[in-house]
Amino acid sequence: MTLEEMEAIVMAFPGAEKGMSYGRPSFKVNGKFFTRLRREDDSLVLLEVSFDEREMLMEAEPETFHFTAHYKDYPSVLARMATLHPGSFKNFLERRWRKIAPKKWVKERDAAGAQG
């Protein structure tokens, strides 16, 4: 996935705002952390990933999924942007977005999806 593809996916979510964090793109929704690109390894920080799911992802796709000591106690995983499938990225963000977006936005998105 390219930087441009990544940004397009993130910004397609209602309320997504672009900013900077540690000199790299960072994104928030409703004032809460959504995702960011790590300068150290060009990996995306993905939240709302259980520890069991993280282990499964790292075992299934070690070239994509990993974590560092900083993230070991958080329900999250790091995903190398170069090998992360855009559809998978969108699915991870959907999960996070549903947790941090106002309930009204979630209902509106669900209603629009049901009609489309």
N, C-alpha and C. Protein backbone atom coordinates (compact mmCIF):
# COMPACT_ATOMS: atom_id res chain seq x y z
N MET A 1 0.85 -1.17 0.00
CA MET A 1 0.00 0.00 0.00
C MET A 1 0.90 1.23 0.00
N THR A 2 0.53 2.20 -0.78
CA THR A 2 1.31 3.44 -0.84
C THR A 2 0.81 4.43 0.21
N LEU A 3 1.60 5.46 0.44
CA LEU A 3 1.21 6.52 1.36
C LEU A 3 -0.10 7.16 0.90
N GLU A 4 -0.22 7.39 -0.40
CA GLU A 4 -1.43 8.01 -0.94
C GLU A 4 -2.65 7.13 -0.73
N GLU A 5 -2.50 5.82 -0.96
CA GLU A 5 -3.61 4.89 -0.73
C GLU A 5 -4.00 4.87 0.75
N MET A 6 -3.01 4.84 1.62
CA MET A 6 -3.26 4.83 3.05
C MET A 6 -4.04 6.07 3.47
N GLU A 7 -3.60 7.23 3.02
CA GLU A 7 -4.27 8.48 3.40
C GLU A 7 -5.70 8.52 2.86
N ALA A 8 -5.92 8.05 1.65
CA ALA A 8 -7.26 8.05 1.06
C ALA A 8 -8.21 7.17 1.87
N ILE A 9 -7.73 6.02 2.31
CA ILE A 9 -8.55 5.11 3.12
C ILE A 9 -8.91 5.77 4.45
N VAL A 10 -7.92 6.34 5.12
CA VAL A 10 -8.15 6.96 6.42
C VAL A 10 -9.13 8.12 6.29
N MET A 11 -8.89 8.99 5.33
CA MET A 11 -9.69 10.21 5.20
C MET A 11 -11.12 9.94 4.70
N ALA A 12 -11.39 8.73 4.22
CA ALA A 12 -12.75 8.39 3.79
C ALA A 12 -13.68 8.16 4.99
N PHE A 13 -13.12 8.01 6.18
CA PHE A 13 -13.95 7.82 7.36
C PHE A 13 -14.48 9.17 7.85
N PRO A 14 -15.78 9.24 8.17
CA PRO A 14 -16.35 10.50 8.66
C PRO A 14 -15.60 11.03 9.87
N GLY A 15 -15.28 12.30 9.84
CA GLY A 15 -14.63 12.95 10.97
C GLY A 15 -13.13 12.77 11.05
N ALA A 16 -12.54 12.05 10.11
CA ALA A 16 -11.09 11.84 10.15
C ALA A 16 -10.37 13.16 9.91
N GLU A 17 -9.38 13.43 10.72
CA GLU A 17 -8.60 14.66 10.62
C GLU A 17 -7.12 14.29 10.53
N LYS A 18 -6.43 14.98 9.63
CA LYS A 18 -5.00 14.73 9.44
C LYS A 18 -4.19 15.68 10.31
N GLY A 19 -3.13 15.15 10.88
CA GLY A 19 -2.22 15.95 11.67
C GLY A 19 -0.83 15.36 11.58
N MET A 20 0.03 15.79 12.47
CA MET A 20 1.40 15.27 12.49
C MET A 20 1.70 14.76 13.90
N SER A 21 2.46 13.69 13.94
CA SER A 21 2.91 13.12 15.20
C SER A 21 4.30 12.55 14.96
N TYR A 22 5.28 13.05 15.68
CA TYR A 22 6.67 12.63 15.50
C TYR A 22 7.13 12.82 14.06
N GLY A 23 6.65 13.88 13.40
CA GLY A 23 7.08 14.20 12.05
C GLY A 23 6.47 13.33 10.97
N ARG A 24 5.48 12.54 11.30
CA ARG A 24 4.82 11.65 10.34
C ARG A 24 3.31 11.86 10.42
N PRO A 25 2.60 11.43 9.38
CA PRO A 25 1.14 11.59 9.41
C PRO A 25 0.51 10.89 10.61
N SER A 26 -0.43 11.56 11.21
CA SER A 26 -1.19 11.02 12.32
C SER A 26 -2.64 11.41 12.07
N PHE A 27 -3.55 10.59 12.53
CA PHE A 27 -4.96 10.84 12.27
C PHE A 27 -5.78 10.65 13.53
N LYS A 28 -6.83 11.48 13.67
CA LYS A 28 -7.75 11.40 14.79
C LYS A 28 -9.17 11.43 14.26
N VAL A 29 -10.07 10.92 15.08
CA VAL A 29 -11.51 11.03 14.84
C VAL A 29 -12.13 11.42 16.16
N ASN A 30 -12.95 12.45 16.14
CA ASN A 30 -13.64 12.89 17.36
C ASN A 30 -12.62 13.23 18.46
N GLY A 31 -11.46 13.74 18.05
CA GLY A 31 -10.42 14.13 19.00
C GLY A 31 -9.64 12.97 19.59
N LYS A 32 -9.89 11.75 19.09
CA LYS A 32 -9.22 10.57 19.63
C LYS A 32 -8.32 9.94 18.59
N PHE A 33 -7.26 9.31 19.06
CA PHE A 33 -6.29 8.68 18.17
C PHE A 33 -6.97 7.64 17.28
N PHE A 34 -6.68 7.73 15.98
CA PHE A 34 -7.24 6.80 14.99
C PHE A 34 -6.13 5.88 14.48
N THR A 35 -5.08 6.44 13.91
CA THR A 35 -3.92 5.68 13.47
C THR A 35 -2.78 6.65 13.17
N ARG A 36 -1.60 6.11 13.04
CA ARG A 36 -0.46 6.93 12.61
C ARG A 36 0.56 6.04 11.94
N LEU A 37 1.43 6.68 11.17
CA LEU A 37 2.52 5.98 10.51
C LEU A 37 3.80 6.21 11.32
N ARG A 38 4.44 5.12 11.73
CA ARG A 38 5.67 5.21 12.52
C ARG A 38 6.86 5.48 11.61
N ARG A 39 7.64 6.48 11.94
CA ARG A 39 8.84 6.83 11.18
C ARG A 39 9.88 5.73 11.24
N GLU A 40 9.96 5.04 12.36
CA GLU A 40 11.02 4.06 12.58
C GLU A 40 10.99 2.90 11.60
N ASP A 41 9.79 2.48 11.20
CA ASP A 41 9.70 1.28 10.37
C ASP A 41 8.57 1.32 9.33
N ASP A 42 8.04 2.52 9.07
CA ASP A 42 6.94 2.67 8.11
C ASP A 42 5.81 1.68 8.40
N SER A 43 5.50 1.53 9.68
CA SER A 43 4.39 0.68 10.10
C SER A 43 3.25 1.54 10.61
N LEU A 44 2.04 1.06 10.38
CA LEU A 44 0.85 1.73 10.87
C LEU A 44 0.48 1.18 12.24
N VAL A 45 0.07 2.05 13.13
CA VAL A 45 -0.37 1.65 14.46
C VAL A 45 -1.87 1.36 14.36
N LEU A 46 -2.23 0.11 14.66
CA LEU A 46 -3.63 -0.32 14.58
C LEU A 46 -4.11 -0.70 15.97
N LEU A 47 -5.17 -0.04 16.43
CA LEU A 47 -5.71 -0.31 17.76
C LEU A 47 -6.94 -1.21 17.66
N GLU A 48 -7.45 -1.61 18.82
CA GLU A 48 -8.62 -2.50 18.92
C GLU A 48 -8.30 -3.90 18.41
N VAL A 49 -7.07 -4.35 18.63
CA VAL A 49 -6.64 -5.69 18.23
C VAL A 49 -6.30 -6.45 19.51
N SER A 50 -7.05 -7.50 19.78
CA SER A 50 -6.81 -8.27 21.00
C SER A 50 -5.43 -8.93 20.95
N PHE A 51 -4.97 -9.33 22.12
CA PHE A 51 -3.66 -9.99 22.19
C PHE A 51 -3.67 -11.31 21.40
N ASP A 52 -4.76 -12.05 21.51
CA ASP A 52 -4.87 -13.31 20.76
C ASP A 52 -4.86 -13.06 19.26
N GLU A 53 -5.62 -12.04 18.84
CA GLU A 53 -5.65 -11.73 17.41
C GLU A 53 -4.28 -11.28 16.94
N ARG A 54 -3.59 -10.48 17.75
CA ARG A 54 -2.26 -10.01 17.38
C ARG A 54 -1.32 -11.19 17.16
N GLU A 55 -1.34 -12.15 18.07
CA GLU A 55 -0.48 -13.33 17.93
C GLU A 55 -0.79 -14.09 16.64
N MET A 56 -2.09 -14.25 16.36
CA MET A 56 -2.50 -14.95 15.15
C MET A 56 -2.03 -14.21 13.90
N LEU A 57 -2.18 -12.89 13.89
CA LEU A 57 -1.76 -12.09 12.74
C LEU A 57 -0.25 -12.20 12.51
N MET A 58 0.51 -12.11 13.60
CA MET A 58 1.97 -12.18 13.47
C MET A 58 2.42 -13.56 13.00
N GLU A 59 1.71 -14.59 13.41
CA GLU A 59 2.06 -15.94 12.97
C GLU A 59 1.68 -16.15 11.50
N ALA A 60 0.51 -15.63 11.11
CA ALA A 60 0.04 -15.82 9.74
C ALA A 60 0.79 -14.96 8.73
N GLU A 61 1.12 -13.72 9.12
CA GLU A 61 1.78 -12.78 8.19
C GLU A 61 2.91 -12.04 8.90
N PRO A 62 3.99 -12.73 9.23
CA PRO A 62 5.08 -12.08 9.97
C PRO A 62 5.78 -10.97 9.18
N GLU A 63 5.67 -11.00 7.85
CA GLU A 63 6.27 -9.92 7.06
C GLU A 63 5.48 -8.62 7.18
N THR A 64 4.24 -8.71 7.65
CA THR A 64 3.40 -7.52 7.78
C THR A 64 3.20 -7.11 9.23
N PHE A 65 2.80 -8.03 10.08
CA PHE A 65 2.39 -7.69 11.44
C PHE A 65 3.49 -7.96 12.46
N HIS A 66 3.63 -7.01 13.39
CA HIS A 66 4.64 -7.12 14.44
C HIS A 66 4.26 -6.15 15.56
N PHE A 67 5.06 -6.11 16.61
CA PHE A 67 4.90 -5.09 17.65
C PHE A 67 6.25 -4.88 18.31
N THR A 68 6.33 -3.77 19.04
CA THR A 68 7.55 -3.45 19.77
C THR A 68 7.24 -3.52 21.26
N ALA A 69 8.27 -3.43 22.06
CA ALA A 69 8.10 -3.49 23.52
C ALA A 69 7.11 -2.42 24.00
N HIS A 70 7.13 -1.25 23.37
CA HIS A 70 6.22 -0.17 23.75
C HIS A 70 4.75 -0.59 23.66
N TYR A 71 4.41 -1.41 22.68
CA TYR A 71 3.02 -1.78 22.43
C TYR A 71 2.62 -3.12 23.05
N LYS A 72 3.55 -3.80 23.74
CA LYS A 72 3.27 -5.17 24.19
C LYS A 72 2.08 -5.26 25.14
N ASP A 73 1.81 -4.24 25.93
CA ASP A 73 0.71 -4.29 26.89
C ASP A 73 -0.56 -3.60 26.40
N TYR A 74 -0.59 -3.23 25.14
CA TYR A 74 -1.75 -2.55 24.57
C TYR A 74 -2.43 -3.45 23.53
N PRO A 75 -3.76 -3.41 23.46
CA PRO A 75 -4.46 -4.20 22.43
C PRO A 75 -4.29 -3.55 21.06
N SER A 76 -3.12 -3.80 20.49
CA SER A 76 -2.75 -3.16 19.23
C SER A 76 -1.76 -4.03 18.48
N VAL A 77 -1.56 -3.67 17.23
CA VAL A 77 -0.55 -4.34 16.41
C VAL A 77 0.03 -3.31 15.46
N LEU A 78 1.25 -3.53 15.04
CA LEU A 78 1.88 -2.69 14.02
C LEU A 78 1.83 -3.45 12.71
N ALA A 79 1.58 -2.72 11.62
CA ALA A 79 1.49 -3.36 10.30
C ALA A 79 2.35 -2.58 9.32
N ARG A 80 3.28 -3.27 8.70
CA ARG A 80 4.15 -2.62 7.71
C ARG A 80 3.31 -2.20 6.50
N MET A 81 3.33 -0.91 6.23
CA MET A 81 2.48 -0.35 5.19
C MET A 81 2.74 -0.99 3.83
N ALA A 82 3.98 -1.30 3.53
CA ALA A 82 4.34 -1.83 2.21
C ALA A 82 3.67 -3.17 1.91
N THR A 83 3.40 -3.97 2.95
CA THR A 83 2.82 -5.29 2.72
C THR A 83 1.40 -5.44 3.25
N LEU A 84 0.86 -4.40 3.86
CA LEU A 84 -0.51 -4.46 4.39
C LEU A 84 -1.51 -4.30 3.25
N HIS A 85 -2.46 -5.21 3.17
CA HIS A 85 -3.50 -5.15 2.14
C HIS A 85 -4.45 -4.00 2.45
N PRO A 86 -4.76 -3.15 1.48
CA PRO A 86 -5.65 -2.01 1.72
C PRO A 86 -7.01 -2.41 2.32
N GLY A 87 -7.57 -3.53 1.88
CA GLY A 87 -8.85 -3.98 2.44
C GLY A 87 -8.74 -4.34 3.91
N SER A 88 -7.65 -4.98 4.28
CA SER A 88 -7.42 -5.31 5.69
C SER A 88 -7.28 -4.04 6.52
N PHE A 89 -6.53 -3.08 5.99
CA PHE A 89 -6.35 -1.80 6.69
C PHE A 89 -7.70 -1.15 6.95
N LYS A 90 -8.54 -1.11 5.93
CA LYS A 90 -9.87 -0.50 6.08
C LYS A 90 -10.68 -1.21 7.16
N ASN A 91 -10.58 -2.53 7.20
CA ASN A 91 -11.31 -3.29 8.22
C ASN A 91 -10.83 -2.98 9.63
N PHE A 92 -9.51 -2.87 9.82
CA PHE A 92 -8.98 -2.50 11.14
C PHE A 92 -9.47 -1.11 11.54
N LEU A 93 -9.44 -0.17 10.59
CA LEU A 93 -9.88 1.19 10.89
C LEU A 93 -11.36 1.25 11.19
N GLU A 94 -12.14 0.45 10.50
CA GLU A 94 -13.59 0.43 10.74
C GLU A 94 -13.87 0.05 12.19
N ARG A 95 -13.16 -0.93 12.68
CA ARG A 95 -13.32 -1.37 14.06
C ARG A 95 -12.98 -0.23 15.02
N ARG A 96 -11.87 0.43 14.80
CA ARG A 96 -11.45 1.54 15.67
C ARG A 96 -12.43 2.71 15.55
N TRP A 97 -12.83 3.04 14.32
CA TRP A 97 -13.73 4.17 14.08
C TRP A 97 -15.04 3.97 14.84
N ARG A 98 -15.59 2.77 14.81
CA ARG A 98 -16.85 2.49 15.48
C ARG A 98 -16.75 2.68 17.00
N LYS A 99 -15.56 2.53 17.53
CA LYS A 99 -15.38 2.70 18.97
C LYS A 99 -15.25 4.18 19.37
N ILE A 100 -14.63 4.99 18.50
CA ILE A 100 -14.35 6.37 18.90
C ILE A 100 -15.26 7.42 18.27
N ALA A 101 -15.99 7.06 17.22
CA ALA A 101 -16.89 8.02 16.57
C ALA A 101 -18.15 8.19 17.42
N PRO A 102 -18.77 9.38 17.35
CA PRO A 102 -20.05 9.56 18.04
C PRO A 102 -21.07 8.55 17.50
N LYS A 103 -21.94 8.08 18.39
CA LYS A 103 -22.93 7.07 18.00
C LYS A 103 -23.78 7.54 16.81
N LYS A 104 -24.04 8.83 16.75
CA LYS A 104 -24.84 9.38 15.64
C LYS A 104 -24.14 9.11 14.30
N TRP A 105 -22.84 9.30 14.26
CA TRP A 105 -22.08 9.07 13.02
C TRP A 105 -22.14 7.59 12.62
N VAL A 106 -22.04 6.71 13.62
CA VAL A 106 -22.08 5.27 13.34
C VAL A 106 -23.44 4.90 12.77
N LYS A 107 -24.50 5.42 13.38
CA LYS A 107 -25.86 5.13 12.88
C LYS A 107 -26.03 5.65 11.46
N GLU A 108 -25.53 6.86 11.20
CA GLU A 108 -25.64 7.44 9.85
C GLU A 108 -24.87 6.61 8.83
N ARG A 109 -23.69 6.17 9.21
CA ARG A 109 -22.87 5.35 8.30
C ARG A 109 -23.55 4.01 8.03
N ASP A 110 -24.11 3.41 9.07
CA ASP A 110 -24.81 2.14 8.90
C ASP A 110 -26.03 2.31 7.99
N ALA A 111 -26.78 3.40 8.18
CA ALA A 111 -27.96 3.65 7.37
C ALA A 111 -27.57 3.87 5.91
N ALA A 112 -26.51 4.61 5.67
CA ALA A 112 -26.05 4.87 4.29
C ALA A 112 -25.58 3.58 3.65
N GLY A 113 -24.92 2.72 4.40
CA GLY A 113 -24.45 1.44 3.87
C GLY A 113 -25.60 0.51 3.55
N ALA A 114 -26.63 0.56 4.36
CA ALA A 114 -27.80 -0.31 4.15
C ALA A 114 -28.55 0.11 2.89
N GLN A 115 -28.50 1.41 2.58
CA GLN A 115 -29.21 1.91 1.41
C GLN A 115 -28.40 1.73 0.14
N GLY A 116 -27.05 1.70 0.30
CA GLY A 116 -26.20 1.64 -0.87
C GLY A 116 -25.95 0.29 -1.28
